[in-house]
């Protein structure tokens, strides 16, 4: 078998090389206790806002926030520096790792479709205000965001769990009388760590799901 036939055989017959459909994903936010924590924080500045958990926009069967249109999974990266030495002649300077890039620089962002009952207005905007009052010392104002990706047959193949999540920015928007697309609002989140769970043997024998903690 030549290289071309071997390549085509793998992608045609080996399900582990099956290309997943890019739109087979879901996202959830564990925030059932958030509304009370948010209301308690914003009450300190005499602010009374409508605050609702994401359950109002979540399909119970698929466990997915319907109005989420796009999720930006953060990169994994390190920061480096050159290490110079005097009188090294024509030799190039060395280099070394200074640190792993922090999670605020590698944030997660989600685009939400605005509906008549708006998740950005009734959850994320009050949540950011509450953080401005109590800060990150209030652990009740942190949550978990879970992003799942699926195989073509609907099995879970990869799970990102972002922990200690808090919103850092709710994007503004423009209203106009001219032609306009449906409003999409971007919310950016910081977090304290995350894990990736992968299903390495989705089609053969027992399911093996090792977890790699990237905290």
Protein backbone atom coordinates (compact mmCIF):
# COMPACT_ATOMS: atom_id res chain seq x y z
CA UNK A 1 0.00 0.00 0.00
CA UNK A 2 1.50 3.36 -0.99
CA UNK A 3 1.47 6.45 1.21
CA UNK A 4 -1.54 8.01 -0.50
CA UNK A 5 -3.66 4.88 -0.13
CA UNK A 6 -2.58 4.50 3.50
CA UNK A 7 -3.58 8.10 4.19
CA UNK A 8 -6.97 7.71 2.53
CA UNK A 9 -7.58 4.37 4.25
CA UNK A 10 -7.03 5.88 7.67
CA UNK A 11 -9.40 8.77 7.11
CA UNK A 12 -12.00 6.54 5.39
CA UNK A 13 -12.09 3.51 7.69
CA UNK A 14 -10.47 4.34 11.02
CA UNK A 15 -13.04 6.13 13.15
CA UNK A 16 -10.32 7.62 15.36
CA UNK A 17 -9.37 9.73 12.31
CA UNK A 18 -12.96 10.81 11.66
CA UNK A 19 -13.20 14.60 11.30
CA UNK A 20 -15.66 15.96 13.90
CA UNK A 21 -18.27 18.47 12.81
CA UNK A 22 -17.13 21.88 14.11
CA UNK A 23 -20.64 22.91 15.21
CA UNK A 24 -21.11 19.88 17.51
CA UNK A 25 -20.44 21.63 20.83
CA UNK A 26 -22.30 22.83 23.91
CA UNK A 27 -21.54 25.27 26.72
CA UNK A 28 -22.95 25.53 30.24
CA UNK A 29 -22.39 27.79 33.25
CA UNK A 30 -22.85 26.53 36.80
CA UNK A 31 -24.51 29.57 38.29
CA UNK A 32 -27.57 28.45 40.26
CA UNK A 33 -26.30 30.23 43.38
CA UNK A 34 -25.00 33.28 41.56
CA UNK A 35 -28.17 35.43 41.42
CA UNK A 36 -28.45 35.65 45.22
CA UNK A 37 -24.73 36.45 45.56
CA UNK A 38 -24.97 39.11 42.85
CA UNK A 39 -28.05 40.71 44.41
CA UNK A 40 -26.39 40.77 47.84
CA UNK A 41 -23.33 42.53 46.41
CA UNK A 42 -25.12 45.16 44.33
CA UNK A 43 -27.52 45.93 47.18
CA UNK A 44 -24.53 47.47 48.99
CA UNK A 45 -24.62 50.31 46.46
CA UNK A 46 -28.44 50.50 46.51
CA UNK A 47 -28.71 49.01 43.04
CA UNK A 48 -31.74 46.91 42.21
CA UNK A 49 -31.35 44.93 38.96
CA UNK A 50 -33.09 41.90 37.51
CA UNK A 51 -30.72 38.96 37.94
CA UNK A 52 -31.42 35.51 36.50
CA UNK A 53 -29.34 32.33 36.26
CA UNK A 54 -28.41 30.88 32.87
CA UNK A 55 -31.01 28.14 33.41
CA UNK A 56 -33.56 30.42 31.74
CA UNK A 57 -31.59 30.09 28.47
CA UNK A 58 -30.43 26.47 28.89
CA UNK A 59 -31.99 23.45 27.24
CA UNK A 60 -32.30 20.73 29.89
CA UNK A 61 -32.07 17.85 27.40
CA UNK A 62 -28.82 18.92 25.72
CA UNK A 63 -27.54 20.92 28.73
CA UNK A 64 -26.65 23.75 26.39
CA UNK A 65 -27.09 27.52 26.51
CA UNK A 66 -29.08 28.04 23.31
CA UNK A 67 -28.13 31.70 22.84
CA UNK A 68 -24.38 30.98 22.89
CA UNK A 69 -23.20 31.38 19.29
CA UNK A 70 -19.43 31.12 19.56
CA UNK A 71 -16.85 30.16 22.19
CA UNK A 72 -13.22 31.25 21.98
CA UNK A 73 -11.09 28.57 23.65
CA UNK A 74 -7.93 30.22 25.03
CA UNK A 75 -4.47 29.38 23.80
CA UNK A 76 -1.82 27.67 25.88
CA UNK A 77 1.45 29.57 25.82
CA UNK A 78 4.62 30.51 27.66
CA UNK A 79 6.58 33.77 27.83
CA UNK A 80 10.25 33.77 26.94
CA UNK A 81 13.21 36.12 27.09
CA UNK A 82 16.66 36.23 25.51
CA UNK A 83 19.61 35.70 27.83
CA UNK A 84 22.52 37.83 26.68
CA UNK A 85 26.14 37.44 27.66
CA UNK A 86 28.88 40.00 27.20
CA UNK A 87 31.76 39.35 24.84
CA UNK A 88 30.08 36.39 23.20
CA UNK A 89 31.53 37.23 19.82
CA UNK A 90 29.42 36.04 16.92
CA UNK A 91 27.40 33.58 19.01
CA UNK A 92 23.68 34.18 19.28
CA UNK A 93 22.22 34.91 22.75
CA UNK A 94 20.47 32.11 24.57
CA UNK A 95 16.85 32.15 25.64
CA UNK A 96 14.75 30.83 28.48
CA UNK A 97 11.20 30.56 29.78
CA UNK A 98 10.14 33.27 32.23
CA UNK A 99 6.63 32.05 33.01
CA UNK A 100 3.49 30.43 31.74
CA UNK A 101 1.19 33.09 30.31
CA UNK A 102 -1.40 34.14 32.90
CA UNK A 103 -5.09 33.34 32.58
CA UNK A 104 -6.19 36.97 32.32
CA UNK A 105 -4.12 37.31 29.14
CA UNK A 106 -5.54 34.00 27.89
CA UNK A 107 -9.19 34.59 28.68
CA UNK A 108 -12.25 32.76 27.41
CA UNK A 109 -14.89 34.69 25.46
CA UNK A 110 -18.42 33.71 24.47
CA UNK A 111 -20.69 35.42 21.95
CA UNK A 112 -24.35 35.48 22.95
CA UNK A 113 -27.32 36.21 20.70
CA UNK A 114 -29.58 38.89 22.18
CA UNK A 115 -33.14 37.67 22.71
CA UNK A 116 -36.08 39.54 24.24
CA UNK A 117 -35.07 38.10 27.61
CA UNK A 118 -31.39 38.98 27.39
CA UNK A 119 -28.73 36.89 29.15
CA UNK A 120 -26.12 39.66 28.95
CA UNK A 121 -28.41 42.22 30.60
CA UNK A 122 -29.90 39.93 33.26
CA UNK A 123 -26.82 37.90 34.24
CA UNK A 124 -23.41 39.03 33.03
CA UNK A 125 -23.76 42.81 33.38
CA UNK A 126 -25.02 42.62 37.00
CA UNK A 127 -22.35 39.97 37.70
CA UNK A 128 -19.58 42.35 36.60
CA UNK A 129 -21.04 45.15 38.73
CA UNK A 130 -21.14 42.80 41.74
CA UNK A 131 -17.47 41.94 41.20
CA UNK A 132 -16.72 45.65 41.19
CA UNK A 133 -18.32 45.89 44.64
CA UNK A 134 -17.04 42.73 46.39
CA UNK A 135 -14.02 41.83 44.28
CA UNK A 136 -12.65 38.32 43.81
CA UNK A 137 -12.50 37.68 47.55
CA UNK A 138 -16.19 36.79 47.34
CA UNK A 139 -15.90 33.18 46.17
CA UNK A 140 -19.65 33.03 45.58
CA UNK A 141 -19.13 35.30 42.58
CA UNK A 142 -17.04 32.65 40.80
CA UNK A 143 -18.42 29.82 38.70
CA UNK A 144 -17.52 26.98 36.32
CA UNK A 145 -17.89 27.07 32.52
CA UNK A 146 -17.97 23.69 30.77
CA UNK A 147 -17.48 23.37 27.00
CA UNK A 148 -18.11 19.97 25.41
CA UNK A 149 -17.22 18.83 21.90
CA UNK A 150 -18.86 15.79 20.34
CA UNK A 151 -18.12 13.05 17.82
CA UNK A 152 -20.24 12.62 14.71
CA UNK A 153 -22.41 10.04 16.50
CA UNK A 154 -23.07 12.39 19.44
CA UNK A 155 -20.62 10.97 21.97
CA UNK A 156 -18.61 13.38 24.09
CA UNK A 157 -15.02 13.45 22.83
CA UNK A 158 -13.53 16.45 24.67
CA UNK A 159 -14.51 18.50 27.73
CA UNK A 160 -13.00 21.82 28.82
CA UNK A 161 -13.84 22.78 32.41
CA UNK A 162 -12.87 26.36 33.32
CA UNK A 163 -12.89 26.85 37.08
CA UNK A 164 -13.04 29.95 39.24
CA UNK A 165 -14.68 31.80 36.34
CA UNK A 166 -15.68 35.46 36.54
CA UNK A 167 -16.69 37.90 33.76
CA UNK A 168 -14.29 40.76 33.09
CA UNK A 169 -16.02 42.56 30.25
CA UNK A 170 -19.48 42.73 28.66
CA UNK A 171 -19.12 44.30 25.23
CA UNK A 172 -21.18 47.35 24.41
CA UNK A 173 -23.27 47.59 21.25
CA UNK A 174 -24.83 50.10 18.87
CA UNK A 175 -28.51 50.56 18.09
CA UNK A 176 -29.44 52.07 14.73
CA UNK A 177 -32.50 52.62 12.54
CA UNK A 178 -30.63 51.36 9.52
CA UNK A 179 -30.20 47.78 8.34
CA UNK A 180 -28.69 45.72 11.11
CA UNK A 181 -27.98 42.07 11.84
CA UNK A 182 -29.27 40.39 14.98
CA UNK A 183 -27.29 41.61 17.97
CA UNK A 184 -24.42 39.43 19.14
CA UNK A 185 -22.81 40.37 22.46
CA UNK A 186 -19.35 39.23 23.52
CA UNK A 187 -18.65 38.46 27.18
CA UNK A 188 -15.05 37.85 28.30
CA UNK A 189 -14.16 35.74 31.33
CA UNK A 190 -11.12 35.25 33.52
CA UNK A 191 -10.55 32.00 35.43
CA UNK A 192 -8.15 30.43 37.93
CA UNK A 193 -7.43 27.11 36.18
CA UNK A 194 -8.86 24.65 33.70
CA UNK A 195 -8.86 20.96 32.86
CA UNK A 196 -9.20 19.11 29.56
CA UNK A 197 -10.79 15.67 29.50
CA UNK A 198 -10.39 13.66 26.30
CA UNK A 199 -11.97 10.40 25.25
CA UNK A 200 -9.12 8.54 23.58
CA UNK A 201 -10.96 5.35 22.58
CA UNK A 202 -14.46 6.47 21.59
CA UNK A 203 -15.32 3.57 19.27
CA UNK A 204 -13.53 0.42 20.42
CA UNK A 205 -14.05 -1.46 23.70
CA UNK A 206 -14.39 0.28 27.02
CA UNK A 207 -14.35 4.05 27.15
CA UNK A 208 -11.08 5.39 28.48
CA UNK A 209 -11.26 9.00 29.66
CA UNK A 210 -7.97 10.28 31.07
CA UNK A 211 -7.96 13.76 32.58
CA UNK A 212 -5.11 16.22 32.21
CA UNK A 213 -5.09 19.05 34.78
CA UNK A 214 -3.56 22.14 33.21
CA UNK A 215 -3.74 24.33 36.31
